[in-house]
Amino acid sequence: MKVSRMTDQLIKHLVSDLKSLEPLINSKLWMHCTVCLLIMAGIVLTMMGLRADYPTAIQDGAMLWKPGIFLLAWIGSMLLILDLSRPIERIEKWHFVPLFLAGTILLWQMIVQLPYLFSSDVTLNLYDPNAIYCLSVIIGGGGIAMAMSWKFWFSRTASPNPTTLGALAGFSVGCLAATGYALHCDKDGILYIFIYYGTPILILSVIGSLLSKRLLKW
């Protein structure tokens, strides 16, 4: 009897400092990140403006497919983030569909642009002095969005694959920022997109992966 009381007291002492956490609610993450996307797009359009050739870009479809690549990739990464945020890992196969569609658009543009891929005009466009804005907006805007999302969502997760979750966090905010910047950028070359959009997204993915090793262990 005495042992039982001591055990009860020990258990009470051990759990006295425990605090219950608010459960993860998927809709809140969607709302948070959608607001970040709208703010990002609003800042780009207000400070930099819509791409100057938008009438032509609407006619040839670039105004849709270019931001669409990153929007679809963002949606797909968000779905996978929700799958991996909890201890029980259950990835829905259909959550890869938006990523597949984004990859299909990229492949389509590679095929369409293949005859001109290594022409002198395309090569000259790669030395665009304004490309620094693309890199800065995606890394800076994506970094701010990741910092906010980390405090709001990722710090409260209990993922069985924290490194993958961290990489998806960086990838997601990179695609979010790229979607906003693509509304301003008038460079539609596939090599330009791979280099100046892909590089900052990759950097954010690596940063998210490295951070997760230190911050998402449980």
N, C-alpha and C. Protein backbone atom coordinates (compact mmCIF):
# COMPACT_ATOMS: atom_id res chain seq x y z
N MET A 1 0.83 -1.20 0.00
CA MET A 1 0.00 0.00 0.00
C MET A 1 0.87 1.26 0.00
N LYS A 2 1.91 1.19 0.82
CA LYS A 2 2.83 2.32 0.91
C LYS A 2 3.55 2.54 -0.41
N VAL A 3 3.94 1.43 -1.05
CA VAL A 3 4.63 1.51 -2.34
C VAL A 3 3.72 2.12 -3.40
N SER A 4 2.44 1.74 -3.35
CA SER A 4 1.47 2.27 -4.31
C SER A 4 1.32 3.77 -4.17
N ARG A 5 1.27 4.26 -2.91
CA ARG A 5 1.16 5.70 -2.69
C ARG A 5 2.40 6.44 -3.19
N MET A 6 3.55 5.85 -2.91
CA MET A 6 4.79 6.47 -3.38
C MET A 6 4.82 6.53 -4.91
N THR A 7 4.33 5.46 -5.54
CA THR A 7 4.29 5.43 -7.01
C THR A 7 3.36 6.50 -7.55
N ASP A 8 2.20 6.64 -6.91
CA ASP A 8 1.24 7.66 -7.33
C ASP A 8 1.83 9.06 -7.19
N GLN A 9 2.52 9.30 -6.08
CA GLN A 9 3.13 10.61 -5.85
C GLN A 9 4.22 10.89 -6.89
N LEU A 10 4.99 9.83 -7.22
CA LEU A 10 6.05 9.98 -8.21
C LEU A 10 5.47 10.31 -9.58
N ILE A 11 4.39 9.63 -9.94
CA ILE A 11 3.74 9.89 -11.23
C ILE A 11 3.20 11.32 -11.29
N LYS A 12 2.56 11.75 -10.18
CA LYS A 12 2.03 13.11 -10.13
C LYS A 12 3.15 14.14 -10.28
N HIS A 13 4.28 13.85 -9.66
CA HIS A 13 5.43 14.76 -9.75
C HIS A 13 5.96 14.83 -11.18
N LEU A 14 6.01 13.68 -11.83
CA LEU A 14 6.55 13.63 -13.20
C LEU A 14 5.66 14.34 -14.21
N VAL A 15 4.36 14.29 -13.99
CA VAL A 15 3.44 14.88 -14.97
C VAL A 15 2.99 16.28 -14.57
N SER A 16 3.47 16.78 -13.45
CA SER A 16 3.00 18.09 -12.98
C SER A 16 3.37 19.23 -13.92
N ASP A 17 4.50 19.08 -14.62
CA ASP A 17 4.95 20.16 -15.51
C ASP A 17 4.47 19.97 -16.95
N LEU A 18 3.77 18.89 -17.22
CA LEU A 18 3.30 18.65 -18.58
C LEU A 18 2.15 19.58 -18.92
N LYS A 19 2.18 20.10 -20.13
CA LYS A 19 1.12 20.98 -20.60
C LYS A 19 0.55 20.41 -21.88
N SER A 20 -0.76 20.40 -21.98
CA SER A 20 -1.39 19.89 -23.19
C SER A 20 -1.21 20.87 -24.34
N LEU A 21 -1.00 20.32 -25.53
CA LEU A 21 -0.83 21.15 -26.71
C LEU A 21 -2.09 21.10 -27.56
N GLU A 22 -2.36 22.21 -28.20
CA GLU A 22 -3.50 22.26 -29.12
C GLU A 22 -3.24 21.30 -30.28
N PRO A 23 -4.20 20.48 -30.64
CA PRO A 23 -3.98 19.53 -31.73
C PRO A 23 -3.74 20.23 -33.06
N LEU A 24 -2.99 19.56 -33.93
CA LEU A 24 -2.74 20.09 -35.26
C LEU A 24 -4.01 20.03 -36.09
N ILE A 25 -4.41 21.15 -36.62
CA ILE A 25 -5.62 21.22 -37.44
C ILE A 25 -5.21 21.62 -38.86
N ASN A 26 -5.45 20.74 -39.80
CA ASN A 26 -4.98 20.93 -41.17
C ASN A 26 -5.45 22.25 -41.78
N SER A 27 -6.71 22.60 -41.53
CA SER A 27 -7.26 23.80 -42.14
C SER A 27 -6.52 25.06 -41.70
N LYS A 28 -5.98 25.04 -40.49
CA LYS A 28 -5.24 26.21 -40.00
C LYS A 28 -3.94 26.40 -40.77
N LEU A 29 -3.26 25.30 -41.11
CA LEU A 29 -2.05 25.41 -41.90
C LEU A 29 -2.36 25.93 -43.30
N TRP A 30 -3.44 25.41 -43.90
CA TRP A 30 -3.83 25.90 -45.22
C TRP A 30 -4.15 27.40 -45.18
N MET A 31 -4.87 27.83 -44.17
CA MET A 31 -5.22 29.24 -44.06
C MET A 31 -3.98 30.09 -43.87
N HIS A 32 -3.09 29.64 -42.99
CA HIS A 32 -1.86 30.39 -42.71
C HIS A 32 -1.02 30.55 -43.98
N CYS A 33 -0.80 29.44 -44.69
CA CYS A 33 0.06 29.48 -45.88
C CYS A 33 -0.60 30.20 -47.04
N THR A 34 -1.93 30.11 -47.15
CA THR A 34 -2.64 30.84 -48.21
C THR A 34 -2.53 32.34 -47.99
N VAL A 35 -2.64 32.75 -46.73
CA VAL A 35 -2.47 34.17 -46.41
C VAL A 35 -1.04 34.62 -46.76
N CYS A 36 -0.05 33.77 -46.44
CA CYS A 36 1.34 34.09 -46.80
C CYS A 36 1.50 34.23 -48.31
N LEU A 37 0.85 33.36 -49.07
CA LEU A 37 0.91 33.42 -50.53
C LEU A 37 0.29 34.71 -51.05
N LEU A 38 -0.86 35.07 -50.53
CA LEU A 38 -1.54 36.30 -50.97
C LEU A 38 -0.72 37.54 -50.61
N ILE A 39 -0.13 37.54 -49.42
CA ILE A 39 0.72 38.67 -49.01
C ILE A 39 1.94 38.77 -49.92
N MET A 40 2.55 37.61 -50.21
CA MET A 40 3.73 37.58 -51.07
C MET A 40 3.39 38.12 -52.46
N ALA A 41 2.30 37.63 -53.04
CA ALA A 41 1.89 38.09 -54.37
C ALA A 41 1.55 39.58 -54.35
N GLY A 42 0.88 40.02 -53.27
CA GLY A 42 0.53 41.43 -53.15
C GLY A 42 1.75 42.33 -53.07
N ILE A 43 2.76 41.91 -52.31
CA ILE A 43 3.98 42.71 -52.19
C ILE A 43 4.71 42.80 -53.54
N VAL A 44 4.80 41.66 -54.23
CA VAL A 44 5.48 41.64 -55.54
C VAL A 44 4.75 42.56 -56.53
N LEU A 45 3.43 42.44 -56.60
CA LEU A 45 2.67 43.24 -57.55
C LEU A 45 2.69 44.72 -57.18
N THR A 46 2.68 45.03 -55.89
CA THR A 46 2.67 46.43 -55.45
C THR A 46 4.03 47.09 -55.66
N MET A 47 5.10 46.39 -55.32
CA MET A 47 6.43 46.98 -55.37
C MET A 47 7.10 46.81 -56.74
N MET A 48 6.80 45.73 -57.45
CA MET A 48 7.49 45.44 -58.71
C MET A 48 6.55 45.48 -59.91
N GLY A 49 5.28 45.25 -59.67
CA GLY A 49 4.30 45.32 -60.74
C GLY A 49 4.12 44.01 -61.48
N LEU A 50 3.00 43.92 -62.19
CA LEU A 50 2.74 42.78 -63.05
C LEU A 50 3.72 42.80 -64.22
N ARG A 51 4.09 41.64 -64.73
CA ARG A 51 5.05 41.59 -65.83
C ARG A 51 4.59 42.49 -66.96
N ALA A 52 5.54 43.21 -67.54
CA ALA A 52 5.22 44.25 -68.52
C ALA A 52 4.54 43.70 -69.76
N ASP A 53 4.83 42.46 -70.12
CA ASP A 53 4.26 41.89 -71.34
C ASP A 53 3.06 41.01 -71.07
N TYR A 54 2.31 41.32 -70.01
CA TYR A 54 1.24 40.41 -69.60
C TYR A 54 0.17 40.17 -70.67
N PRO A 55 -0.17 41.13 -71.58
CA PRO A 55 -1.14 40.78 -72.63
C PRO A 55 -0.64 39.64 -73.52
N THR A 56 0.63 39.72 -73.91
CA THR A 56 1.21 38.65 -74.71
C THR A 56 1.34 37.37 -73.91
N ALA A 57 1.72 37.51 -72.62
CA ALA A 57 1.88 36.34 -71.76
C ALA A 57 0.56 35.62 -71.54
N ILE A 58 -0.54 36.38 -71.53
CA ILE A 58 -1.86 35.76 -71.40
C ILE A 58 -2.21 34.99 -72.67
N GLN A 59 -1.89 35.59 -73.81
CA GLN A 59 -2.20 34.94 -75.09
C GLN A 59 -1.42 33.65 -75.30
N ASP A 60 -0.12 33.67 -74.97
CA ASP A 60 0.68 32.46 -75.20
C ASP A 60 0.66 31.49 -74.01
N GLY A 61 -0.05 31.87 -72.95
CA GLY A 61 -0.24 30.96 -71.82
C GLY A 61 0.80 31.04 -70.72
N ALA A 62 1.86 31.82 -70.93
CA ALA A 62 2.94 31.89 -69.93
C ALA A 62 2.45 32.47 -68.61
N MET A 63 1.43 33.32 -68.68
CA MET A 63 0.88 33.92 -67.47
C MET A 63 0.20 32.87 -66.59
N LEU A 64 -0.13 31.73 -67.20
CA LEU A 64 -0.79 30.66 -66.45
C LEU A 64 0.16 29.52 -66.10
N TRP A 65 0.90 29.01 -67.12
CA TRP A 65 1.70 27.81 -66.84
C TRP A 65 2.90 28.08 -65.94
N LYS A 66 3.48 29.28 -66.04
CA LYS A 66 4.68 29.54 -65.23
C LYS A 66 4.36 29.64 -63.74
N PRO A 67 3.44 30.52 -63.31
CA PRO A 67 3.08 30.49 -61.88
C PRO A 67 2.43 29.15 -61.50
N GLY A 68 1.75 28.52 -62.49
CA GLY A 68 1.06 27.26 -62.22
C GLY A 68 2.01 26.15 -61.80
N ILE A 69 3.21 26.13 -62.35
CA ILE A 69 4.20 25.13 -61.96
C ILE A 69 4.44 25.17 -60.46
N PHE A 70 4.70 26.36 -59.96
CA PHE A 70 5.07 26.52 -58.55
C PHE A 70 3.85 26.43 -57.64
N LEU A 71 2.69 26.86 -58.14
CA LEU A 71 1.47 26.74 -57.34
C LEU A 71 1.12 25.27 -57.13
N LEU A 72 1.20 24.48 -58.18
CA LEU A 72 0.92 23.05 -58.07
C LEU A 72 1.94 22.35 -57.17
N ALA A 73 3.21 22.73 -57.33
CA ALA A 73 4.25 22.14 -56.48
C ALA A 73 4.04 22.52 -55.02
N TRP A 74 3.58 23.74 -54.78
CA TRP A 74 3.28 24.18 -53.40
C TRP A 74 2.13 23.37 -52.82
N ILE A 75 1.07 23.18 -53.60
CA ILE A 75 -0.09 22.41 -53.13
C ILE A 75 0.33 20.97 -52.81
N GLY A 76 1.10 20.35 -53.73
CA GLY A 76 1.54 18.98 -53.50
C GLY A 76 2.42 18.84 -52.27
N SER A 77 3.34 19.78 -52.08
CA SER A 77 4.22 19.71 -50.91
C SER A 77 3.44 19.94 -49.61
N MET A 78 2.42 20.79 -49.66
CA MET A 78 1.58 21.02 -48.49
C MET A 78 0.85 19.74 -48.10
N LEU A 79 0.32 19.03 -49.08
CA LEU A 79 -0.39 17.77 -48.80
C LEU A 79 0.55 16.74 -48.16
N LEU A 80 1.78 16.67 -48.66
CA LEU A 80 2.75 15.73 -48.10
C LEU A 80 3.19 16.15 -46.70
N ILE A 81 3.28 17.46 -46.46
CA ILE A 81 3.63 17.97 -45.13
C ILE A 81 2.57 17.53 -44.11
N LEU A 82 1.32 17.64 -44.49
CA LEU A 82 0.25 17.22 -43.60
C LEU A 82 0.33 15.71 -43.33
N ASP A 83 0.72 14.95 -44.33
CA ASP A 83 0.86 13.49 -44.15
C ASP A 83 1.97 13.15 -43.16
N LEU A 84 3.05 13.94 -43.18
CA LEU A 84 4.24 13.59 -42.40
C LEU A 84 4.33 14.32 -41.06
N SER A 85 3.34 15.12 -40.72
CA SER A 85 3.43 15.95 -39.51
C SER A 85 3.08 15.20 -38.23
N ARG A 86 2.51 14.03 -38.36
CA ARG A 86 2.06 13.28 -37.19
C ARG A 86 2.84 11.98 -37.04
N PRO A 87 2.85 11.39 -35.83
CA PRO A 87 3.66 10.19 -35.60
C PRO A 87 3.30 9.01 -36.50
N ILE A 88 2.01 8.88 -36.83
CA ILE A 88 1.59 7.79 -37.70
C ILE A 88 1.73 8.23 -39.15
N GLU A 89 2.70 7.63 -39.83
CA GLU A 89 2.97 8.03 -41.22
C GLU A 89 2.01 7.32 -42.15
N ARG A 90 1.23 8.10 -42.89
CA ARG A 90 0.31 7.53 -43.87
C ARG A 90 0.23 8.49 -45.05
N ILE A 91 1.01 8.23 -46.05
CA ILE A 91 1.08 9.11 -47.22
C ILE A 91 0.04 8.66 -48.24
N GLU A 92 -0.84 9.56 -48.58
CA GLU A 92 -1.85 9.27 -49.60
C GLU A 92 -1.22 9.42 -50.99
N LYS A 93 -1.41 8.43 -51.83
CA LYS A 93 -0.78 8.44 -53.16
C LYS A 93 -1.25 9.61 -54.01
N TRP A 94 -2.53 9.97 -53.88
CA TRP A 94 -3.05 11.05 -54.72
C TRP A 94 -2.45 12.41 -54.36
N HIS A 95 -1.80 12.50 -53.22
CA HIS A 95 -1.15 13.75 -52.83
C HIS A 95 0.06 14.08 -53.71
N PHE A 96 0.53 13.09 -54.45
CA PHE A 96 1.62 13.32 -55.40
C PHE A 96 1.12 13.89 -56.73
N VAL A 97 -0.19 13.89 -56.95
CA VAL A 97 -0.75 14.32 -58.23
C VAL A 97 -0.38 15.76 -58.59
N PRO A 98 -0.52 16.75 -57.65
CA PRO A 98 -0.11 18.12 -58.01
C PRO A 98 1.36 18.22 -58.39
N LEU A 99 2.23 17.47 -57.70
CA LEU A 99 3.65 17.48 -58.04
C LEU A 99 3.87 16.87 -59.42
N PHE A 100 3.13 15.81 -59.73
CA PHE A 100 3.21 15.18 -61.05
C PHE A 100 2.77 16.16 -62.14
N LEU A 101 1.70 16.91 -61.89
CA LEU A 101 1.22 17.89 -62.86
C LEU A 101 2.25 19.01 -63.07
N ALA A 102 2.86 19.46 -61.97
CA ALA A 102 3.90 20.49 -62.08
C ALA A 102 5.07 19.98 -62.92
N GLY A 103 5.48 18.73 -62.68
CA GLY A 103 6.55 18.14 -63.46
C GLY A 103 6.17 17.96 -64.92
N THR A 104 4.89 17.66 -65.17
CA THR A 104 4.40 17.51 -66.55
C THR A 104 4.49 18.82 -67.32
N ILE A 105 4.13 19.92 -66.64
CA ILE A 105 4.22 21.24 -67.28
C ILE A 105 5.67 21.57 -67.60
N LEU A 106 6.57 21.27 -66.66
CA LEU A 106 8.00 21.50 -66.91
C LEU A 106 8.49 20.69 -68.11
N LEU A 107 8.10 19.43 -68.16
CA LEU A 107 8.51 18.57 -69.27
C LEU A 107 7.94 19.07 -70.59
N TRP A 108 6.69 19.50 -70.56
CA TRP A 108 6.04 20.06 -71.76
C TRP A 108 6.80 21.27 -72.27
N GLN A 109 7.19 22.17 -71.36
CA GLN A 109 7.93 23.35 -71.78
C GLN A 109 9.34 23.01 -72.26
N MET A 110 9.94 22.01 -71.67
CA MET A 110 11.26 21.57 -72.16
C MET A 110 11.16 21.07 -73.59
N ILE A 111 10.11 20.31 -73.90
CA ILE A 111 9.93 19.80 -75.26
C ILE A 111 9.64 20.94 -76.23
N VAL A 112 8.77 21.87 -75.82
CA VAL A 112 8.41 23.00 -76.67
C VAL A 112 9.62 23.89 -76.95
N GLN A 113 10.44 24.10 -75.93
CA GLN A 113 11.57 25.02 -76.06
C GLN A 113 12.85 24.34 -76.53
N LEU A 114 12.83 23.03 -76.70
CA LEU A 114 14.04 22.28 -77.04
C LEU A 114 14.76 22.80 -78.28
N PRO A 115 14.05 23.16 -79.37
CA PRO A 115 14.76 23.66 -80.56
C PRO A 115 15.53 24.96 -80.31
N TYR A 116 15.12 25.72 -79.29
CA TYR A 116 15.75 27.02 -79.03
C TYR A 116 16.56 27.02 -77.74
N LEU A 117 16.69 25.84 -77.12
CA LEU A 117 17.22 25.76 -75.76
C LEU A 117 18.63 26.32 -75.63
N PHE A 118 19.46 26.08 -76.62
CA PHE A 118 20.86 26.51 -76.52
C PHE A 118 21.21 27.58 -77.55
N SER A 119 20.20 28.35 -77.96
CA SER A 119 20.45 29.46 -78.89
C SER A 119 21.13 30.60 -78.15
N SER A 120 21.70 31.52 -78.92
CA SER A 120 22.44 32.64 -78.32
C SER A 120 21.54 33.53 -77.48
N ASP A 121 20.27 33.72 -77.92
CA ASP A 121 19.35 34.58 -77.17
C ASP A 121 19.04 33.99 -75.80
N VAL A 122 18.83 32.67 -75.76
CA VAL A 122 18.54 32.01 -74.49
C VAL A 122 19.75 32.10 -73.56
N THR A 123 20.94 31.90 -74.12
CA THR A 123 22.16 31.96 -73.32
C THR A 123 22.37 33.35 -72.75
N LEU A 124 22.10 34.38 -73.56
CA LEU A 124 22.26 35.76 -73.10
C LEU A 124 21.28 36.08 -71.97
N ASN A 125 20.07 35.53 -72.05
CA ASN A 125 19.08 35.77 -71.00
C ASN A 125 19.50 35.22 -69.65
N LEU A 126 20.39 34.23 -69.66
CA LEU A 126 20.85 33.66 -68.40
C LEU A 126 21.75 34.63 -67.64
N TYR A 127 22.29 35.62 -68.35
CA TYR A 127 23.15 36.63 -67.71
C TYR A 127 22.35 37.89 -67.39
N ASP A 128 21.10 37.70 -67.09
CA ASP A 128 20.20 38.81 -66.77
C ASP A 128 20.60 39.44 -65.43
N PRO A 129 20.92 40.76 -65.42
CA PRO A 129 21.30 41.41 -64.16
C PRO A 129 20.14 41.48 -63.16
N ASN A 130 18.90 41.40 -63.66
CA ASN A 130 17.74 41.44 -62.77
C ASN A 130 17.46 40.11 -62.08
N ALA A 131 18.24 39.08 -62.45
CA ALA A 131 18.02 37.77 -61.84
C ALA A 131 18.26 37.79 -60.34
N ILE A 132 19.04 38.77 -59.87
CA ILE A 132 19.31 38.88 -58.43
C ILE A 132 18.01 39.11 -57.66
N TYR A 133 17.05 39.81 -58.31
CA TYR A 133 15.76 40.03 -57.65
C TYR A 133 15.00 38.73 -57.49
N CYS A 134 15.09 37.88 -58.50
CA CYS A 134 14.44 36.58 -58.43
C CYS A 134 14.99 35.77 -57.27
N LEU A 135 16.31 35.69 -57.18
CA LEU A 135 16.96 34.95 -56.10
C LEU A 135 16.63 35.55 -54.73
N SER A 136 16.68 36.87 -54.65
CA SER A 136 16.46 37.54 -53.36
C SER A 136 15.02 37.39 -52.88
N VAL A 137 14.06 37.57 -53.80
CA VAL A 137 12.65 37.50 -53.41
C VAL A 137 12.29 36.09 -52.96
N ILE A 138 12.75 35.09 -53.70
CA ILE A 138 12.38 33.72 -53.35
C ILE A 138 13.04 33.28 -52.05
N ILE A 139 14.35 33.56 -51.90
CA ILE A 139 15.03 33.16 -50.67
C ILE A 139 14.54 34.00 -49.48
N GLY A 140 14.46 35.32 -49.68
CA GLY A 140 14.03 36.20 -48.58
C GLY A 140 12.58 35.97 -48.19
N GLY A 141 11.68 36.02 -49.19
CA GLY A 141 10.26 35.82 -48.91
C GLY A 141 9.98 34.42 -48.40
N GLY A 142 10.64 33.43 -49.02
CA GLY A 142 10.46 32.06 -48.57
C GLY A 142 11.00 31.84 -47.17
N GLY A 143 12.12 32.48 -46.87
CA GLY A 143 12.72 32.36 -45.53
C GLY A 143 11.82 32.92 -44.45
N ILE A 144 11.21 34.06 -44.73
CA ILE A 144 10.29 34.68 -43.76
C ILE A 144 9.06 33.78 -43.56
N ALA A 145 8.53 33.27 -44.67
CA ALA A 145 7.37 32.37 -44.57
C ALA A 145 7.71 31.11 -43.80
N MET A 146 8.94 30.59 -44.00
CA MET A 146 9.32 29.38 -43.28
C MET A 146 9.48 29.65 -41.78
N ALA A 147 10.05 30.80 -41.43
CA ALA A 147 10.20 31.15 -40.02
C ALA A 147 8.84 31.24 -39.33
N MET A 148 7.88 31.84 -40.01
CA MET A 148 6.54 31.97 -39.44
C MET A 148 5.87 30.59 -39.34
N SER A 149 6.01 29.80 -40.39
CA SER A 149 5.38 28.48 -40.40
C SER A 149 6.03 27.54 -39.38
N TRP A 150 7.33 27.73 -39.17
CA TRP A 150 8.04 26.87 -38.22
C TRP A 150 7.49 27.07 -36.82
N LYS A 151 7.28 28.32 -36.46
CA LYS A 151 6.75 28.61 -35.13
C LYS A 151 5.29 28.18 -35.03
N PHE A 152 4.56 28.38 -36.10
CA PHE A 152 3.11 28.13 -36.08
C PHE A 152 2.78 26.65 -36.20
N TRP A 153 3.56 25.89 -36.98
CA TRP A 153 3.19 24.50 -37.28
C TRP A 153 4.30 23.49 -37.00
N PHE A 154 5.46 23.68 -37.63
CA PHE A 154 6.47 22.62 -37.63
C PHE A 154 7.05 22.33 -36.25
N SER A 155 7.14 23.33 -35.40
CA SER A 155 7.68 23.11 -34.06
C SER A 155 6.75 22.25 -33.21
N ARG A 156 5.51 22.06 -33.64
CA ARG A 156 4.54 21.29 -32.88
C ARG A 156 4.29 19.91 -33.48
N THR A 157 5.02 19.57 -34.53
CA THR A 157 4.83 18.29 -35.19
C THR A 157 5.61 17.19 -34.47
N ALA A 158 5.27 15.95 -34.78
CA ALA A 158 5.99 14.78 -34.25
C ALA A 158 6.16 13.79 -35.39
N SER A 159 6.95 14.18 -36.36
CA SER A 159 7.08 13.40 -37.59
C SER A 159 8.01 12.21 -37.42
N PRO A 160 7.68 11.07 -38.05
CA PRO A 160 8.61 9.93 -38.05
C PRO A 160 9.79 10.16 -38.99
N ASN A 161 9.65 11.16 -39.88
CA ASN A 161 10.73 11.50 -40.83
C ASN A 161 10.97 13.01 -40.79
N PRO A 162 11.60 13.51 -39.71
CA PRO A 162 11.77 14.95 -39.55
C PRO A 162 12.62 15.59 -40.64
N THR A 163 13.62 14.87 -41.14
CA THR A 163 14.47 15.44 -42.19
C THR A 163 13.68 15.68 -43.47
N THR A 164 12.86 14.71 -43.83
CA THR A 164 12.02 14.86 -45.01
C THR A 164 11.01 15.98 -44.82
N LEU A 165 10.43 16.04 -43.63
CA LEU A 165 9.45 17.10 -43.33
C LEU A 165 10.11 18.47 -43.43
N GLY A 166 11.34 18.61 -42.90
CA GLY A 166 12.04 19.88 -42.98
C GLY A 166 12.36 20.28 -44.40
N ALA A 167 12.77 19.30 -45.22
CA ALA A 167 13.06 19.59 -46.63
C ALA A 167 11.79 20.04 -47.35
N LEU A 168 10.66 19.38 -47.04
CA LEU A 168 9.39 19.78 -47.64
C LEU A 168 8.97 21.18 -47.19
N ALA A 169 9.30 21.52 -45.95
CA ALA A 169 9.00 22.86 -45.45
C ALA A 169 9.71 23.92 -46.29
N GLY A 170 11.01 23.70 -46.54
CA GLY A 170 11.77 24.64 -47.35
C GLY A 170 11.29 24.67 -48.79
N PHE A 171 11.02 23.50 -49.34
CA PHE A 171 10.53 23.40 -50.72
C PHE A 171 9.20 24.11 -50.87
N SER A 172 8.32 23.92 -49.89
CA SER A 172 6.99 24.51 -49.94
C SER A 172 7.03 26.04 -49.95
N VAL A 173 7.79 26.62 -49.01
CA VAL A 173 7.84 28.09 -48.95
C VAL A 173 8.59 28.66 -50.16
N GLY A 174 9.55 27.91 -50.70
CA GLY A 174 10.24 28.35 -51.90
C GLY A 174 9.28 28.42 -53.08
N CYS A 175 8.44 27.40 -53.23
CA CYS A 175 7.45 27.39 -54.30
C CYS A 175 6.40 28.48 -54.08
N LEU A 176 6.06 28.72 -52.82
CA LEU A 176 5.12 29.79 -52.49
C LEU A 176 5.66 31.14 -52.96
N ALA A 177 6.91 31.43 -52.61
CA ALA A 177 7.52 32.70 -53.01
C ALA A 177 7.70 32.78 -54.52
N ALA A 178 8.04 31.65 -55.14
CA ALA A 178 8.24 31.62 -56.60
C ALA A 178 6.93 31.89 -57.33
N THR A 179 5.83 31.42 -56.78
CA THR A 179 4.52 31.68 -57.39
C THR A 179 4.24 33.17 -57.44
N GLY A 180 4.51 33.85 -56.34
CA GLY A 180 4.30 35.29 -56.30
C GLY A 180 5.22 36.04 -57.25
N TYR A 181 6.51 35.67 -57.27
CA TYR A 181 7.46 36.39 -58.12
C TYR A 181 7.20 36.13 -59.60
N ALA A 182 6.69 34.95 -59.94
CA ALA A 182 6.43 34.61 -61.35
C ALA A 182 5.39 35.53 -61.98
N LEU A 183 4.58 36.20 -61.16
CA LEU A 183 3.60 37.15 -61.69
C LEU A 183 4.29 38.40 -62.24
N HIS A 184 5.50 38.66 -61.78
CA HIS A 184 6.26 39.82 -62.24
C HIS A 184 7.29 39.47 -63.30
N CYS A 185 7.93 38.33 -63.17
CA CYS A 185 9.05 37.97 -64.03
C CYS A 185 8.58 37.65 -65.45
N ASP A 186 9.27 38.21 -66.44
CA ASP A 186 8.91 37.98 -67.84
C ASP A 186 9.89 37.05 -68.56
N LYS A 187 10.72 36.35 -67.79
CA LYS A 187 11.67 35.39 -68.38
C LYS A 187 11.06 34.00 -68.30
N ASP A 188 10.71 33.45 -69.45
CA ASP A 188 10.00 32.18 -69.49
C ASP A 188 10.85 31.02 -70.00
N GLY A 189 12.13 31.26 -70.21
CA GLY A 189 13.02 30.20 -70.66
C GLY A 189 13.14 29.11 -69.61
N ILE A 190 13.09 27.86 -70.05
CA ILE A 190 13.12 26.75 -69.10
C ILE A 190 14.45 26.68 -68.36
N LEU A 191 15.55 27.04 -69.03
CA LEU A 191 16.85 27.06 -68.35
C LEU A 191 16.88 28.14 -67.28
N TYR A 192 16.29 29.29 -67.60
CA TYR A 192 16.22 30.39 -66.63
C TYR A 192 15.43 29.94 -65.40
N ILE A 193 14.32 29.27 -65.63
CA ILE A 193 13.47 28.80 -64.52
C ILE A 193 14.23 27.79 -63.67
N PHE A 194 14.91 26.86 -64.31
CA PHE A 194 15.66 25.85 -63.56
C PHE A 194 16.75 26.48 -62.70
N ILE A 195 17.45 27.47 -63.26
CA ILE A 195 18.60 28.05 -62.56
C ILE A 195 18.16 29.06 -61.49
N TYR A 196 17.36 30.05 -61.91
CA TYR A 196 17.07 31.16 -61.01
C TYR A 196 15.84 30.95 -60.11
N TYR A 197 15.02 30.00 -60.46
CA TYR A 197 13.93 29.60 -59.56
C TYR A 197 14.31 28.33 -58.79
N GLY A 198 14.91 27.39 -59.51
CA GLY A 198 15.25 26.12 -58.88
C GLY A 198 16.31 26.24 -57.80
N THR A 199 17.31 27.11 -58.03
CA THR A 199 18.41 27.25 -57.07
C THR A 199 17.93 27.73 -55.70
N PRO A 200 17.18 28.84 -55.60
CA PRO A 200 16.73 29.27 -54.27
C PRO A 200 15.78 28.27 -53.61
N ILE A 201 14.95 27.59 -54.41
CA ILE A 201 14.06 26.57 -53.84
C ILE A 201 14.89 25.43 -53.26
N LEU A 202 15.94 25.03 -53.98
CA LEU A 202 16.83 23.98 -53.49
C LEU A 202 17.54 24.42 -52.21
N ILE A 203 18.00 25.67 -52.17
CA ILE A 203 18.68 26.19 -50.99
C ILE A 203 17.75 26.15 -49.77
N LEU A 204 16.51 26.60 -49.95
CA LEU A 204 15.54 26.58 -48.85
C LEU A 204 15.24 25.16 -48.41
N SER A 205 15.19 24.23 -49.36
CA SER A 205 14.93 22.82 -49.01
C SER A 205 16.07 22.26 -48.16
N VAL A 206 17.31 22.59 -48.53
CA VAL A 206 18.47 22.13 -47.76
C VAL A 206 18.47 22.75 -46.37
N ILE A 207 18.17 24.05 -46.29
CA ILE A 207 18.11 24.72 -44.99
C ILE A 207 17.05 24.07 -44.10
N GLY A 208 15.88 23.81 -44.67
CA GLY A 208 14.82 23.17 -43.91
C GLY A 208 15.22 21.79 -43.43
N SER A 209 15.92 21.04 -44.28
CA SER A 209 16.38 19.70 -43.91
C SER A 209 17.38 19.76 -42.77
N LEU A 210 18.32 20.71 -42.84
CA LEU A 210 19.34 20.84 -41.79
C LEU A 210 18.72 21.30 -40.47
N LEU A 211 17.79 22.24 -40.55
CA LEU A 211 17.13 22.71 -39.34
C LEU A 211 16.35 21.60 -38.65
N SER A 212 15.75 20.75 -39.46
CA SER A 212 14.91 19.69 -38.90
C SER A 212 15.70 18.72 -38.05
N LYS A 213 16.97 18.50 -38.40
CA LYS A 213 17.81 17.57 -37.63
C LYS A 213 18.04 18.06 -36.21
N ARG A 214 17.99 19.39 -36.04
CA ARG A 214 18.24 19.97 -34.72
C ARG A 214 16.94 20.31 -33.98
N LEU A 215 15.90 20.64 -34.75
CA LEU A 215 14.71 21.22 -34.12
C LEU A 215 13.47 20.32 -34.12
N LEU A 216 13.45 19.29 -34.95
CA LEU A 216 12.24 18.49 -35.06
C LEU A 216 12.37 17.11 -34.45
N LYS A 217 13.43 16.86 -33.68
CA LYS A 217 13.55 15.57 -33.01
C LYS A 217 12.60 15.52 -31.82
N TRP A 218 12.05 14.36 -31.57
CA TRP A 218 11.11 14.21 -30.43
C TRP A 218 11.29 12.82 -29.82
